[in-house]
Amino acid sequence: MNNNKLNIALFLGGTSPEKEVSKSSSKSIYTALTGLGHNVILMNPAYGKNQPVDVNDFFTEKEFAPVSNENYVETVNSKLLDNVDLVFLGLHGKWGEDGTIQSLLELRGKKYTGSKVLASSLSMDKKMSKILFQHYGIKTPKWISVPKNNFEHDQVLSMIKKELGFPCVIKPNDQGSTVGLTICNDESQVIPAVHLALDYSDKALIEEYIDGHEITVGIIENTALPALEIKPKHELYDYECKYTSGMSEYIVPADVPKDVFEKLQLQALMAFKALGCEGYGRIDFRVNSKWEIYCLEANTLPGMTSTSLVPKMAKAVGISFDQLIDRIISLSL
């Protein structure tokens, strides 16, 4: 196989609440892939066999055709993938990062970018991730989980008071991009926040709030990139701050003590390996005023937009966006 020119299917969009972010990421990835000389076939798995002919139709907010989760199976089983060497996953969120599309591609015998099925599934299951972090000695904020089918208001409030205190963070167990996330400062905010989280997931995760620095570390293969600190305009690094240019300040390398910087990189690698992740990814942390490090979660398909973090960290060590995409392809093959 000639690695210099491949037939690559770029999967984008999908059905998750993060589908617009996926389209934004994938537009940058598409430009890089074509610039590197590859033959690129765009596919939105939510469309099934009914894929657009015009490239621009893949990136518009308006859906080209009716979308459904069932169409993922139809897309992967179609002849569209017959001569494809590699599937580049530009998907985000549920059905894209949770092992679903990965398992379908493996059944079809197709190579793809990012972590394999189990690691993808574990990274999207925040509760299971935290259990594994604890097992491997990686500090993570205290938490409780609330299942949708067993949600008792008084019991949840009692557990928060007893185990976490306020403020606390309430979020869906298997979503990204802060979708459905709320910071609760008192009891009155808890129940609406749990209901919101449960709109997106079968479980709500309630975490202690760690005040301090928002820091992330990218991983390429088995190498940790320089830690990056995020300073959002809002109290929280929310959806708007993540995907609106100028709404956050990014400092890379992060301005933290040298020993903390090195520990962040080490903890990122430990978390990456604890979940069995492969290729590339990103590990998110909070660091408090005492420079104590708390691992929040892993991202196996981190964003690749113009405001995304892994490209910024890669650039800090001299890796351009095109070089980053090329390296991800090489690792996947």
Protein backbone atom coordinates (compact mmCIF):
# COMPACT_ATOMS: atom_id res chain seq x y z
CA MET A 1 0.00 0.00 0.00
CA ASN A 2 1.28 3.48 -0.86
CA ASN A 3 0.92 5.53 2.30
CA ASN A 4 1.49 8.72 0.30
CA LYS A 5 -1.86 8.43 -1.45
CA LEU A 6 -4.72 6.61 0.25
CA ASN A 7 -8.44 6.28 -0.26
CA ILE A 8 -9.74 7.78 2.98
CA ALA A 9 -13.36 7.98 4.09
CA LEU A 10 -13.93 10.93 6.42
CA PHE A 11 -16.90 10.27 8.72
CA LEU A 12 -18.55 13.45 10.01
CA GLY A 13 -21.79 14.82 11.40
CA GLY A 14 -23.78 11.96 12.88
CA THR A 15 -26.73 12.20 15.26
CA SER A 16 -25.19 13.36 18.54
CA PRO A 17 -25.68 16.86 20.04
CA GLU A 18 -22.08 17.51 18.95
CA LYS A 19 -22.72 16.98 15.25
CA GLU A 20 -22.13 20.65 14.34
CA VAL A 21 -18.77 20.57 16.13
CA SER A 22 -17.98 17.41 14.18
CA LYS A 23 -18.71 19.17 10.90
CA SER A 24 -16.43 22.05 11.91
CA SER A 25 -13.62 19.67 12.90
CA SER A 26 -14.06 17.65 9.74
CA LYS A 27 -13.88 20.68 7.48
CA SER A 28 -10.34 21.33 8.77
CA ILE A 29 -9.47 17.63 8.52
CA TYR A 30 -10.84 17.47 4.95
CA THR A 31 -8.68 20.40 3.87
CA ALA A 32 -5.60 18.78 5.41
CA LEU A 33 -6.29 15.34 3.90
CA THR A 34 -6.77 16.71 0.37
CA GLY A 35 -3.71 18.93 0.81
CA LEU A 36 -1.69 15.82 1.70
CA GLY A 37 -2.73 14.28 -1.61
CA HIS A 38 -5.21 11.65 -0.42
CA ASN A 39 -8.42 10.70 -2.19
CA VAL A 40 -11.11 11.70 0.31
CA ILE A 41 -14.68 10.41 0.37
CA LEU A 42 -16.97 12.28 2.76
CA MET A 43 -19.64 10.26 4.58
CA ASN A 44 -22.21 11.22 7.16
CA PRO A 45 -23.16 7.87 8.76
CA ALA A 46 -26.50 9.34 9.85
CA TYR A 47 -27.55 9.58 6.15
CA GLY A 48 -27.01 5.92 5.25
CA LYS A 49 -26.77 5.33 1.50
CA ASN A 50 -28.27 8.73 0.74
CA GLN A 51 -25.03 10.74 0.76
CA PRO A 52 -24.68 14.23 -0.79
CA VAL A 53 -22.82 14.67 -4.08
CA ASP A 54 -21.81 18.26 -3.37
CA VAL A 55 -19.03 18.46 -0.75
CA ASN A 56 -20.52 21.65 0.70
CA ASP A 57 -23.73 19.84 1.66
CA PHE A 58 -21.79 17.84 4.26
CA PHE A 59 -20.80 20.94 6.21
CA THR A 60 -24.06 22.92 6.33
CA GLU A 61 -26.16 23.07 9.49
CA LYS A 62 -29.26 22.10 7.54
CA GLU A 63 -29.48 18.32 7.18
CA PHE A 64 -29.20 17.03 3.63
CA ALA A 65 -31.49 14.06 4.35
CA PRO A 66 -33.35 12.49 7.30
CA VAL A 67 -30.91 11.24 9.93
CA SER A 68 -31.15 8.17 12.14
CA ASN A 69 -28.96 5.91 14.23
CA GLU A 70 -30.04 2.94 12.08
CA ASN A 71 -28.37 4.59 9.10
CA TYR A 72 -24.94 4.03 10.71
CA VAL A 73 -25.28 0.30 10.00
CA GLU A 74 -26.40 0.95 6.43
CA THR A 75 -23.47 3.31 5.81
CA VAL A 76 -20.84 0.90 7.09
CA ASN A 77 -22.37 -2.04 5.19
CA SER A 78 -22.67 -0.12 1.93
CA LYS A 79 -20.38 -0.39 -1.11
CA LEU A 80 -19.22 3.15 -0.38
CA LEU A 81 -16.49 1.63 1.81
CA ASP A 82 -15.42 -1.13 -0.60
CA ASN A 83 -12.16 0.46 -1.79
CA VAL A 84 -11.42 2.55 1.30
CA ASP A 85 -8.00 2.09 2.96
CA LEU A 86 -8.79 4.03 6.14
CA VAL A 87 -11.75 5.67 7.85
CA PHE A 88 -10.83 8.99 9.48
CA LEU A 89 -13.30 9.54 12.31
CA GLY A 90 -14.26 13.20 12.51
CA LEU A 91 -17.30 12.32 14.64
CA HIS A 92 -17.82 13.61 18.19
CA GLY A 93 -20.00 12.51 21.08
CA LYS A 94 -22.38 9.57 21.31
CA TRP A 95 -22.32 7.06 18.43
CA GLY A 96 -18.96 8.52 17.37
CA GLU A 97 -16.68 8.27 20.40
CA ASP A 98 -18.40 5.55 22.40
CA GLY A 99 -17.24 2.48 20.47
CA THR A 100 -20.41 2.11 18.36
CA ILE A 101 -19.01 3.15 14.98
CA GLN A 102 -15.67 1.57 15.87
CA SER A 103 -17.28 -1.85 16.43
CA LEU A 104 -19.22 -1.60 13.15
CA LEU A 105 -16.04 -0.75 11.25
CA GLU A 106 -14.16 -3.64 12.85
CA LEU A 107 -16.94 -6.03 11.80
CA ARG A 108 -16.49 -4.70 8.26
CA GLY A 109 -12.70 -5.21 8.57
CA LYS A 110 -11.88 -1.52 8.09
CA LYS A 111 -9.06 0.41 9.73
CA TYR A 112 -9.95 3.69 11.41
CA THR A 113 -8.35 6.53 13.34
CA GLY A 114 -8.42 6.80 17.12
CA SER A 115 -8.81 4.25 19.90
CA LYS A 116 -10.34 0.81 19.52
CA VAL A 117 -13.78 -0.25 20.72
CA LEU A 118 -13.22 -0.87 24.43
CA ALA A 119 -11.09 2.23 25.03
CA SER A 120 -13.56 4.40 23.12
CA SER A 121 -16.44 2.98 25.17
CA LEU A 122 -14.63 3.49 28.48
CA SER A 123 -13.60 7.05 27.68
CA MET A 124 -17.20 8.06 26.96
CA ASP A 125 -18.48 6.37 30.11
CA LYS A 126 -17.34 8.99 32.63
CA LYS A 127 -18.25 6.84 35.63
CA MET A 128 -16.22 3.85 34.42
CA SER A 129 -13.33 6.13 33.47
CA LYS A 130 -13.21 7.51 36.99
CA ILE A 131 -13.30 4.02 38.50
CA LEU A 132 -10.29 3.07 36.37
CA PHE A 133 -8.50 6.31 37.21
CA GLN A 134 -8.88 5.53 40.90
CA HIS A 135 -7.69 1.95 40.38
CA TYR A 136 -4.48 3.19 38.75
CA GLY A 137 -3.82 5.88 41.35
CA ILE A 138 -4.91 8.84 39.22
CA LYS A 139 -6.66 11.42 41.36
CA THR A 140 -10.14 12.39 40.16
CA PRO A 141 -12.89 14.52 41.75
CA LYS A 142 -15.27 12.69 44.12
CA TRP A 143 -18.55 11.76 42.49
CA ILE A 144 -21.90 10.05 42.70
CA SER A 145 -23.99 8.78 39.79
CA VAL A 146 -27.75 8.96 39.38
CA PRO A 147 -29.52 6.46 37.08
CA LYS A 148 -32.55 7.68 35.14
CA ASN A 149 -34.73 4.80 36.30
CA ASN A 150 -33.96 5.28 40.00
CA PHE A 151 -33.89 9.02 40.63
CA GLU A 152 -35.10 10.07 44.10
CA HIS A 153 -34.86 13.82 44.66
CA ASP A 154 -34.38 13.80 48.44
CA GLN A 155 -31.79 11.05 48.30
CA VAL A 156 -29.73 12.89 45.66
CA LEU A 157 -29.75 16.12 47.69
CA SER A 158 -28.77 14.21 50.83
CA MET A 159 -25.86 12.48 49.08
CA ILE A 160 -24.54 15.76 47.67
CA LYS A 161 -24.59 17.39 51.11
CA LYS A 162 -22.94 14.39 52.73
CA GLU A 163 -20.30 13.48 50.12
CA LEU A 164 -19.63 16.45 47.83
CA GLY A 165 -20.93 19.77 49.10
CA PHE A 166 -21.51 22.88 47.00
CA PRO A 167 -20.68 23.96 44.41
CA CYS A 168 -20.93 20.71 42.47
CA VAL A 169 -20.93 19.81 38.79
CA ILE A 170 -23.79 17.85 37.22
CA LYS A 171 -23.41 16.41 33.73
CA PRO A 172 -24.52 13.53 31.50
CA ASN A 173 -22.44 10.39 31.92
CA ASP A 174 -21.70 9.94 28.22
CA GLN A 175 -21.64 13.28 26.42
CA GLY A 176 -18.86 15.72 25.57
CA SER A 177 -18.42 19.43 24.81
CA THR A 178 -20.10 20.29 28.16
CA VAL A 179 -23.47 19.34 26.64
CA GLY A 180 -26.04 19.19 29.45
CA LEU A 181 -23.54 20.34 32.12
CA THR A 182 -24.44 22.63 35.03
CA ILE A 183 -22.48 24.05 37.96
CA CYS A 184 -24.82 24.08 40.97
CA ASN A 185 -24.12 26.54 43.77
CA ASP A 186 -27.04 25.52 45.99
CA GLU A 187 -29.83 22.98 46.44
CA SER A 188 -32.33 24.86 44.30
CA GLN A 189 -30.29 24.22 41.15
CA VAL A 190 -29.73 20.49 41.63
CA ILE A 191 -32.96 18.85 40.49
CA PRO A 192 -33.31 20.86 37.24
CA ALA A 193 -29.62 20.14 36.52
CA VAL A 194 -30.09 16.40 37.05
CA HIS A 195 -33.14 16.39 34.78
CA LEU A 196 -31.14 18.25 32.12
CA ALA A 197 -28.28 15.74 32.32
CA LEU A 198 -30.73 12.84 32.12
CA ASP A 199 -32.20 14.32 28.94
CA TYR A 200 -28.89 13.38 27.29
CA SER A 201 -27.96 10.18 29.09
CA ASP A 202 -29.24 7.24 31.11
CA LYS A 203 -27.04 8.38 34.02
CA ALA A 204 -26.20 11.76 35.52
CA LEU A 205 -22.75 12.21 37.04
CA ILE A 206 -22.47 14.58 40.01
CA GLU A 207 -18.90 15.67 40.84
CA GLU A 208 -17.29 17.85 43.44
CA TYR A 209 -16.28 21.17 41.89
CA ILE A 210 -12.53 21.77 41.78
CA ASP A 211 -11.80 25.48 41.75
CA GLY A 212 -8.62 26.47 39.95
CA HIS A 213 -6.86 26.02 36.64
CA GLU A 214 -8.45 24.34 33.60
CA ILE A 215 -5.63 22.35 31.98
CA THR A 216 -5.44 19.75 29.26
CA VAL A 217 -2.71 17.52 27.83
CA GLY A 218 -2.68 16.04 24.34
CA ILE A 219 -1.23 12.63 23.58
CA ILE A 220 0.28 11.49 20.29
CA GLU A 221 1.24 7.82 20.34
CA ASN A 222 3.02 7.46 23.69
CA THR A 223 4.19 11.06 23.96
CA ALA A 224 2.55 13.77 26.05
CA LEU A 225 2.37 17.18 24.39
CA PRO A 226 2.95 20.37 26.42
CA ALA A 227 0.19 21.06 28.96
CA LEU A 228 -2.19 23.84 27.89
CA GLU A 229 -4.13 26.12 30.24
CA ILE A 230 -7.55 27.42 29.24
CA LYS A 231 -8.82 30.73 30.57
CA PRO A 232 -12.47 31.06 29.47
CA LYS A 233 -14.40 34.33 29.50
CA HIS A 234 -17.19 32.55 31.40
CA GLU A 235 -16.89 30.90 34.81
CA LEU A 236 -16.98 27.56 33.03
CA TYR A 237 -15.25 26.41 29.84
CA ASP A 238 -18.66 25.88 28.29
CA TYR A 239 -19.86 25.20 24.74
CA GLU A 240 -19.71 28.86 23.72
CA CYS A 241 -16.19 29.34 25.11
CA LYS A 242 -15.00 26.14 23.43
CA TYR A 243 -16.26 26.88 19.95
CA THR A 244 -16.42 30.67 19.65
CA SER A 245 -13.23 32.41 18.62
CA GLY A 246 -12.06 34.94 21.24
CA MET A 247 -14.12 33.48 24.10
CA SER A 248 -11.13 31.75 25.70
CA GLU A 249 -7.44 32.44 26.17
CA TYR A 250 -5.05 29.53 25.64
CA ILE A 251 -1.62 29.40 27.27
CA VAL A 252 0.73 26.74 25.94
CA PRO A 253 2.98 25.68 27.52
CA ALA A 254 0.86 26.20 30.65
CA ASP A 255 2.36 28.63 33.17
CA VAL A 256 2.61 26.26 36.13
CA PRO A 257 5.56 25.08 38.26
CA LYS A 258 7.91 22.70 36.45
CA ASP A 259 7.15 19.76 38.74
CA VAL A 260 3.39 20.27 38.25
CA PHE A 261 3.88 20.50 34.48
CA GLU A 262 5.80 17.22 34.41
CA LYS A 263 3.27 15.53 36.69
CA LEU A 264 0.43 16.64 34.40
CA GLN A 265 2.15 15.00 31.44
CA LEU A 266 2.81 11.83 33.44
CA GLN A 267 -0.78 11.68 34.72
CA ALA A 268 -2.08 12.22 31.18
CA LEU A 269 -0.09 9.25 29.91
CA MET A 270 -1.22 7.14 32.88
CA ALA A 271 -4.88 8.01 32.23
CA PHE A 272 -4.50 7.35 28.50
CA LYS A 273 -3.03 3.91 29.18
CA ALA A 274 -5.46 3.13 32.02
CA LEU A 275 -8.33 3.24 29.52
CA GLY A 276 -6.37 1.40 26.84
CA CYS A 277 -6.42 4.37 24.47
CA GLU A 278 -4.40 4.29 21.24
CA GLY A 279 -3.03 6.68 18.65
CA TYR A 280 -3.95 10.12 19.89
CA GLY A 281 -6.24 11.80 22.39
CA ARG A 282 -6.56 14.43 25.06
CA ILE A 283 -6.80 14.25 28.86
CA ASP A 284 -8.55 17.04 30.79
CA PHE A 285 -7.62 18.19 34.30
CA ARG A 286 -8.42 20.71 37.01
CA VAL A 287 -5.57 21.96 39.20
CA ASN A 288 -6.43 23.70 42.46
CA SER A 289 -4.61 26.52 44.31
CA LYS A 290 -2.42 23.96 46.11
CA TRP A 291 -1.32 22.58 42.72
CA GLU A 292 -3.18 19.32 43.34
CA ILE A 293 -4.09 17.63 40.06
CA TYR A 294 -7.52 16.11 39.38
CA CYS A 295 -8.15 14.13 36.20
CA LEU A 296 -11.60 14.78 34.75
CA GLU A 297 -11.88 12.68 31.60
CA ALA A 298 -10.29 11.39 28.41
CA ASN A 299 -11.18 12.36 24.85
CA THR A 300 -10.41 9.74 22.21
CA LEU A 301 -11.58 11.90 19.28
CA PRO A 302 -10.64 15.42 20.41
CA GLY A 303 -11.78 18.44 18.41
CA MET A 304 -9.88 19.50 15.30
CA THR A 305 -11.40 22.94 14.72
CA SER A 306 -9.44 26.20 14.42
CA THR A 307 -9.98 26.75 18.16
CA SER A 308 -9.21 23.14 19.17
CA LEU A 309 -6.65 22.21 21.77
CA VAL A 310 -4.63 19.29 20.44
CA PRO A 311 -3.60 21.25 17.30
CA LYS A 312 -2.52 24.15 19.55
CA MET A 313 -0.40 21.84 21.71
CA ALA A 314 1.10 20.15 18.66
CA LYS A 315 1.96 23.53 17.15
CA ALA A 316 3.84 24.43 20.36
CA VAL A 317 6.33 21.63 19.60
CA GLY A 318 6.59 22.45 15.90
CA ILE A 319 3.97 20.07 14.51
CA SER A 320 1.74 21.78 11.95
CA PHE A 321 -1.93 20.81 11.51
CA ASP A 322 -1.17 18.91 8.29
CA GLN A 323 1.72 17.09 9.99
CA LEU A 324 -0.58 16.20 12.89
CA ILE A 325 -3.17 14.70 10.54
CA ASP A 326 -0.44 12.83 8.66
CA ARG A 327 0.90 11.39 11.91
CA ILE A 328 -2.58 10.26 12.99
CA ILE A 329 -2.93 8.44 9.65
CA SER A 330 0.46 6.73 10.08
CA LEU A 331 -0.41 5.63 13.62
CA SER A 332 -3.75 4.26 12.45
CA LEU A 333 -2.14 2.20 9.71
